[in-house]
């Protein structure tokens, strides 16, 4: 799965992104909600990069 790293665990950054997005959904539209959504977006991107990096590292180690 794309959201899982080599060991099969979900990235901490992706879990944090989900938590921020869940919190944003509880808020009324406005600046605070938008800020949480932006933070979630950045954490999600970092989590995807982290997962790709770990996967590439694992692939290089198995060659």
PDB file of N, CA and C in Angstrom:
ATOM      1  N   UNK A   1       0.835  -1.190   0.000  1.00  0.00           N
ATOM      2  CA  UNK A   1       0.000   0.000   0.000  1.00  0.00           C
ATOM      3  C   UNK A   1       0.875   1.247   0.000  1.00  0.00           C
ATOM      4  N   UNK A   2       0.398   2.297  -0.590  1.00  0.00           N
ATOM      5  CA  UNK A   2       1.175   3.522  -0.692  1.00  0.00           C
ATOM      6  C   UNK A   2       1.385   4.194   0.659  1.00  0.00           C
ATOM      7  N   UNK A   3       0.455   4.043   1.578  1.00  0.00           N
ATOM      8  CA  UNK A   3       0.565   4.703   2.876  1.00  0.00           C
ATOM      9  C   UNK A   3       1.310   3.885   3.914  1.00  0.00           C
ATOM     10  N   UNK A   4       1.892   2.792   3.506  1.00  0.00           N
ATOM     11  CA  UNK A   4       2.590   1.935   4.460  1.00  0.00           C
ATOM     12  C   UNK A   4       4.065   1.888   4.105  1.00  0.00           C
ATOM     13  N   UNK A   5       4.904   1.923   5.130  1.00  0.00           N
ATOM     14  CA  UNK A   5       6.329   1.836   4.861  1.00  0.00           C
ATOM     15  C   UNK A   5       6.732   0.375   4.776  1.00  0.00           C
ATOM     16  N   UNK A   6       8.012   0.131   4.660  1.00  0.00           N
ATOM     17  CA  UNK A   6       8.529  -1.204   4.412  1.00  0.00           C
ATOM     18  C   UNK A   6       8.097  -2.197   5.481  1.00  0.00           C
ATOM     19  N   UNK A   7       8.074  -1.781   6.732  1.00  0.00           N
ATOM     20  CA  UNK A   7       7.720  -2.701   7.813  1.00  0.00           C
ATOM     21  C   UNK A   7       6.216  -2.948   7.905  1.00  0.00           C
ATOM     22  N   UNK A   8       5.416  -2.271   7.096  1.00  0.00           N
ATOM     23  CA  UNK A   8       3.977  -2.462   7.114  1.00  0.00           C
ATOM     24  C   UNK A   8       3.253  -1.522   8.058  1.00  0.00           C
ATOM     25  N   UNK A   9       3.975  -0.636   8.709  1.00  0.00           N
ATOM     26  CA  UNK A   9       3.358   0.314   9.637  1.00  0.00           C
ATOM     27  C   UNK A   9       3.054   1.616   8.906  1.00  0.00           C
ATOM     28  N   UNK A  10       2.001   2.271   9.326  1.00  0.00           N
ATOM     29  CA  UNK A  10       1.644   3.564   8.743  1.00  0.00           C
ATOM     30  C   UNK A  10       2.601   4.614   9.284  1.00  0.00           C
ATOM     31  N   UNK A  11       3.056   5.493   8.411  1.00  0.00           N
ATOM     32  CA  UNK A  11       3.970   6.557   8.797  1.00  0.00           C
ATOM     33  C   UNK A  11       3.358   7.428   9.898  1.00  0.00           C
ATOM     34  N   UNK A  12       4.173   7.811  10.852  1.00  0.00           N
ATOM     35  CA  UNK A  12       3.733   8.706  11.926  1.00  0.00           C
ATOM     36  C   UNK A  12       3.237  10.027  11.348  1.00  0.00           C
ATOM     37  N   UNK A  13       3.924  10.515  10.319  1.00  0.00           N
ATOM     38  CA  UNK A  13       3.511  11.779   9.700  1.00  0.00           C
ATOM     39  C   UNK A  13       2.133  11.656   9.054  1.00  0.00           C
ATOM     40  N   UNK A  14       1.856  10.522   8.441  1.00  0.00           N
ATOM     41  CA  UNK A  14       0.540  10.327   7.832  1.00  0.00           C
ATOM     42  C   UNK A  14      -0.551  10.239   8.889  1.00  0.00           C
ATOM     43  N   UNK A  15      -0.236   9.606  10.005  1.00  0.00           N
ATOM     44  CA  UNK A  15      -1.210   9.556  11.109  1.00  0.00           C
ATOM     45  C   UNK A  15      -1.460  10.948  11.678  1.00  0.00           C
ATOM     46  N   UNK A  16      -0.399  11.733  11.814  1.00  0.00           N
ATOM     47  CA  UNK A  16      -0.565  13.099  12.311  1.00  0.00           C
ATOM     48  C   UNK A  16      -1.388  13.925  11.324  1.00  0.00           C
ATOM     49  N   UNK A  17      -1.151  13.734  10.030  1.00  0.00           N
ATOM     50  CA  UNK A  17      -1.919  14.463   9.016  1.00  0.00           C
ATOM     51  C   UNK A  17      -3.403  14.130   9.143  1.00  0.00           C
ATOM     52  N   UNK A  18      -3.692  12.859   9.357  1.00  0.00           N
ATOM     53  CA  UNK A  18      -5.091  12.440   9.525  1.00  0.00           C
ATOM     54  C   UNK A  18      -5.708  13.106  10.755  1.00  0.00           C
ATOM     55  N   UNK A  19      -4.957  13.152  11.850  1.00  0.00           N
ATOM     56  CA  UNK A  19      -5.465  13.787  13.075  1.00  0.00           C
ATOM     57  C   UNK A  19      -5.753  15.273  12.854  1.00  0.00           C
ATOM     58  N   UNK A  20      -4.840  15.969  12.171  1.00  0.00           N
ATOM     59  CA  UNK A  20      -5.051  17.395  11.901  1.00  0.00           C
ATOM     60  C   UNK A  20      -6.271  17.595  11.012  1.00  0.00           C
ATOM     61  N   UNK A  21      -6.420  16.742  10.000  1.00  0.00           N
ATOM     62  CA  UNK A  21      -7.560  16.869   9.101  1.00  0.00           C
ATOM     63  C   UNK A  21      -8.869  16.570   9.827  1.00  0.00           C
ATOM     64  N   UNK A  22      -8.863  15.571  10.682  1.00  0.00           N
ATOM     65  CA  UNK A  22     -10.061  15.269  11.479  1.00  0.00           C
ATOM     66  C   UNK A  22     -10.444  16.457  12.359  1.00  0.00           C
ATOM     67  N   UNK A  23      -9.446  17.069  12.980  1.00  0.00           N
ATOM     68  CA  UNK A  23      -9.703  18.242  13.830  1.00  0.00           C
ATOM     69  C   UNK A  23     -10.243  19.403  12.995  1.00  0.00           C
ATOM     70  N   UNK A  24      -9.668  19.599  11.803  1.00  0.00           N
ATOM     71  CA  UNK A  24     -10.136  20.680  10.929  1.00  0.00           C
ATOM     72  C   UNK A  24     -11.592  20.475  10.541  1.00  0.00           C
ATOM     73  N   UNK A  25     -11.984  19.237  10.333  1.00  0.00           N
ATOM     74  CA  UNK A  25     -13.364  18.949   9.936  1.00  0.00           C
ATOM     75  C   UNK A  25     -14.358  19.266  11.042  1.00  0.00           C
ATOM     76  N   UNK A  26     -13.893  19.276  12.278  1.00  0.00           N
ATOM     77  CA  UNK A  26     -14.781  19.591  13.410  1.00  0.00           C
ATOM     78  C   UNK A  26     -15.036  21.099  13.547  1.00  0.00           C
ATOM     79  N   UNK A  27     -14.152  21.888  12.945  1.00  0.00           N
ATOM     80  CA  UNK A  27     -14.262  23.344  13.082  1.00  0.00           C
ATOM     81  C   UNK A  27     -15.177  23.938  12.016  1.00  0.00           C
ATOM     82  N   UNK A  28     -15.714  25.092  12.337  1.00  0.00           N
ATOM     83  CA  UNK A  28     -16.482  25.847  11.352  1.00  0.00           C
ATOM     84  C   UNK A  28     -15.503  26.433  10.336  1.00  0.00           C
ATOM     85  N   UNK A  29     -15.978  26.678   9.106  1.00  0.00           N
ATOM     86  CA  UNK A  29     -15.092  27.285   8.106  1.00  0.00           C
ATOM     87  C   UNK A  29     -14.493  28.592   8.621  1.00  0.00           C
ATOM     88  N   UNK A  30     -13.227  28.781   8.341  1.00  0.00           N
ATOM     89  CA  UNK A  30     -12.543  29.989   8.772  1.00  0.00           C
ATOM     90  C   UNK A  30     -11.038  29.782   8.772  1.00  0.00           C
ATOM     91  N   UNK A  31     -10.316  30.795   9.257  1.00  0.00           N
ATOM     92  CA  UNK A  31      -8.853  30.753   9.223  1.00  0.00           C
ATOM     93  C   UNK A  31      -8.246  29.581  10.010  1.00  0.00           C
ATOM     94  N   UNK A  32      -8.788  29.271  11.167  1.00  0.00           N
ATOM     95  CA  UNK A  32      -8.237  28.180  11.977  1.00  0.00           C
ATOM     96  C   UNK A  32      -8.386  26.841  11.244  1.00  0.00           C
ATOM     97  N   UNK A  33      -9.543  26.644  10.647  1.00  0.00           N
ATOM     98  CA  UNK A  33      -9.778  25.405   9.894  1.00  0.00           C
ATOM     99  C   UNK A  33      -8.846  25.323   8.692  1.00  0.00           C
ATOM    100  N   UNK A  34      -8.698  26.423   7.985  1.00  0.00           N
ATOM    101  CA  UNK A  34      -7.818  26.452   6.820  1.00  0.00           C
ATOM    102  C   UNK A  34      -6.368  26.158   7.208  1.00  0.00           C
ATOM    103  N   UNK A  35      -5.942  26.709   8.333  1.00  0.00           N
ATOM    104  CA  UNK A  35      -4.576  26.483   8.787  1.00  0.00           C
ATOM    105  C   UNK A  35      -4.342  25.001   9.111  1.00  0.00           C
ATOM    106  N   UNK A  36      -5.298  24.376   9.789  1.00  0.00           N
ATOM    107  CA  UNK A  36      -5.163  22.956  10.106  1.00  0.00           C
ATOM    108  C   UNK A  36      -5.148  22.110   8.828  1.00  0.00           C
ATOM    109  N   UNK A  37      -5.941  22.491   7.861  1.00  0.00           N
ATOM    110  CA  UNK A  37      -5.950  21.761   6.591  1.00  0.00           C
ATOM    111  C   UNK A  37      -4.618  21.899   5.869  1.00  0.00           C
ATOM    112  N   UNK A  38      -4.024  23.082   5.926  1.00  0.00           N
ATOM    113  CA  UNK A  38      -2.709  23.296   5.300  1.00  0.00           C
ATOM    114  C   UNK A  38      -1.634  22.466   6.001  1.00  0.00           C
ATOM    115  N   UNK A  39      -1.672  22.442   7.330  1.00  0.00           N
ATOM    116  CA  UNK A  39      -0.710  21.639   8.091  1.00  0.00           C
ATOM    117  C   UNK A  39      -0.881  20.166   7.728  1.00  0.00           C
ATOM    118  N   UNK A  40      -2.114  19.707   7.645  1.00  0.00           N
ATOM    119  CA  UNK A  40      -2.380  18.317   7.282  1.00  0.00           C
ATOM    120  C   UNK A  40      -1.835  18.007   5.886  1.00  0.00           C
ATOM    121  N   UNK A  41      -1.990  18.941   4.984  1.00  0.00           N
ATOM    122  CA  UNK A  41      -1.507  18.751   3.615  1.00  0.00           C
ATOM    123  C   UNK A  41       0.017  18.594   3.595  1.00  0.00           C
ATOM    124  N   UNK A  42       0.711  19.450   4.327  1.00  0.00           N
ATOM    125  CA  UNK A  42       2.176  19.383   4.383  1.00  0.00           C
ATOM    126  C   UNK A  42       2.630  18.086   5.048  1.00  0.00           C
ATOM    127  N   UNK A  43       1.996  17.719   6.154  1.00  0.00           N
ATOM    128  CA  UNK A  43       2.353  16.471   6.830  1.00  0.00           C
ATOM    129  C   UNK A  43       2.112  15.264   5.923  1.00  0.00           C
ATOM    130  N   UNK A  44       1.033  15.303   5.172  1.00  0.00           N
ATOM    131  CA  UNK A  44       0.726  14.209   4.252  1.00  0.00           C
ATOM    132  C   UNK A  44       1.815  14.089   3.186  1.00  0.00           C
ATOM    133  N   UNK A  45       2.220  15.214   2.614  1.00  0.00           N
ATOM    134  CA  UNK A  45       3.277  15.195   1.598  1.00  0.00           C
ATOM    135  C   UNK A  45       4.590  14.682   2.180  1.00  0.00           C
ATOM    136  N   UNK A  46       4.929  15.141   3.392  1.00  0.00           N
ATOM    137  CA  UNK A  46       6.151  14.669   4.045  1.00  0.00           C
ATOM    138  C   UNK A  46       6.071  13.163   4.333  1.00  0.00           C
ATOM    139  N   UNK A  47       4.911  12.715   4.750  1.00  0.00           N
ATOM    140  CA  UNK A  47       4.720  11.296   5.011  1.00  0.00           C
ATOM    141  C   UNK A  47       4.880  10.451   3.762  1.00  0.00           C
ATOM    142  N   UNK A  48       4.345  10.940   2.641  1.00  0.00           N
ATOM    143  CA  UNK A  48       4.499  10.220   1.381  1.00  0.00           C
ATOM    144  C   UNK A  48       5.971  10.162   0.975  1.00  0.00           C
ATOM    145  N   UNK A  49       6.681  11.280   1.128  1.00  0.00           N
ATOM    146  CA  UNK A  49       8.106  11.298   0.796  1.00  0.00           C
ATOM    147  C   UNK A  49       8.900  10.365   1.698  1.00  0.00           C
ATOM    148  N   UNK A  50       8.552  10.355   2.980  1.00  0.00           N
ATOM    149  CA  UNK A  50       9.219   9.468   3.930  1.00  0.00           C
ATOM    150  C   UNK A  50       9.006   8.007   3.528  1.00  0.00           C
ATOM    151  N   UNK A  51       7.786   7.665   3.174  1.00  0.00           N
ATOM    152  CA  UNK A  51       7.461   6.300   2.776  1.00  0.00           C
ATOM    153  C   UNK A  51       8.219   5.920   1.509  1.00  0.00           C
ATOM    154  N   UNK A  52       8.249   6.810   0.531  1.00  0.00           N
ATOM    155  CA  UNK A  52       8.975   6.541  -0.707  1.00  0.00           C
ATOM    156  C   UNK A  52      10.464   6.370  -0.440  1.00  0.00           C
ATOM    157  N   UNK A  53      11.005   7.196   0.441  1.00  0.00           N
ATOM    158  CA  UNK A  53      12.420   7.119   0.776  1.00  0.00           C
ATOM    159  C   UNK A  53      12.749   5.790   1.443  1.00  0.00           C
ATOM    160  N   UNK A  54      11.920   5.376   2.386  1.00  0.00           N
ATOM    161  CA  UNK A  54      12.152   4.103   3.071  1.00  0.00           C
ATOM    162  C   UNK A  54      12.017   2.941   2.107  1.00  0.00           C
ATOM    163  N   UNK A  55      11.058   3.030   1.194  1.00  0.00           N
ATOM    164  CA  UNK A  55      10.862   1.970   0.217  1.00  0.00           C
ATOM    165  C   UNK A  55      12.064   1.881  -0.709  1.00  0.00           C
ATOM    166  N   UNK A  56      12.547   3.036  -1.195  1.00  0.00           N
ATOM    167  CA  UNK A  56      13.710   3.056  -2.083  1.00  0.00           C
ATOM    168  C   UNK A  56      14.947   2.535  -1.360  1.00  0.00           C
ATOM    169  N   UNK A  57      15.098   2.908  -0.102  1.00  0.00           N
ATOM    170  CA  UNK A  57      16.228   2.440   0.696  1.00  0.00           C
ATOM    171  C   UNK A  57      16.158   0.926   0.871  1.00  0.00           C
ATOM    172  N   UNK A  58      14.967   0.423   1.126  1.00  0.00           N
ATOM    173  CA  UNK A  58      14.783  -1.020   1.295  1.00  0.00           C
ATOM    174  C   UNK A  58      15.085  -1.739  -0.016  1.00  0.00           C
ATOM    175  N   UNK A  59      14.646  -1.180  -1.127  1.00  0.00           N
ATOM    176  CA  UNK A  59      14.902  -1.798  -2.429  1.00  0.00           C
ATOM    177  C   UNK A  59      16.398  -1.840  -2.717  1.00  0.00           C
ATOM    178  N   UNK A  60      17.125  -0.775  -2.367  1.00  0.00           N
ATOM    179  CA  UNK A  60      18.560  -0.724  -2.605  1.00  0.00           C
ATOM    180  C   UNK A  60      19.278  -1.747  -1.712  1.00  0.00           C
ATOM    181  N   UNK A  61      18.783  -1.951  -0.507  1.00  0.00           N
ATOM    182  CA  UNK A  61      19.404  -2.904   0.416  1.00  0.00           C
ATOM    183  C   UNK A  61      19.221  -4.347  -0.023  1.00  0.00           C
ATOM    184  N   UNK A  62      18.149  -4.632  -0.761  1.00  0.00           N
ATOM    185  CA  UNK A  62      17.870  -6.008  -1.154  1.00  0.00           C
ATOM    186  C   UNK A  62      18.547  -6.384  -2.454  1.00  0.00           C
ATOM    187  N   UNK A  63      19.227  -5.455  -3.103  1.00  0.00           N
ATOM    188  CA  UNK A  63      19.918  -5.753  -4.372  1.00  0.00           C
ATOM    189  C   UNK A  63      21.301  -6.256  -4.136  1.00  0.00           C
TER     190      UNK A  63
END
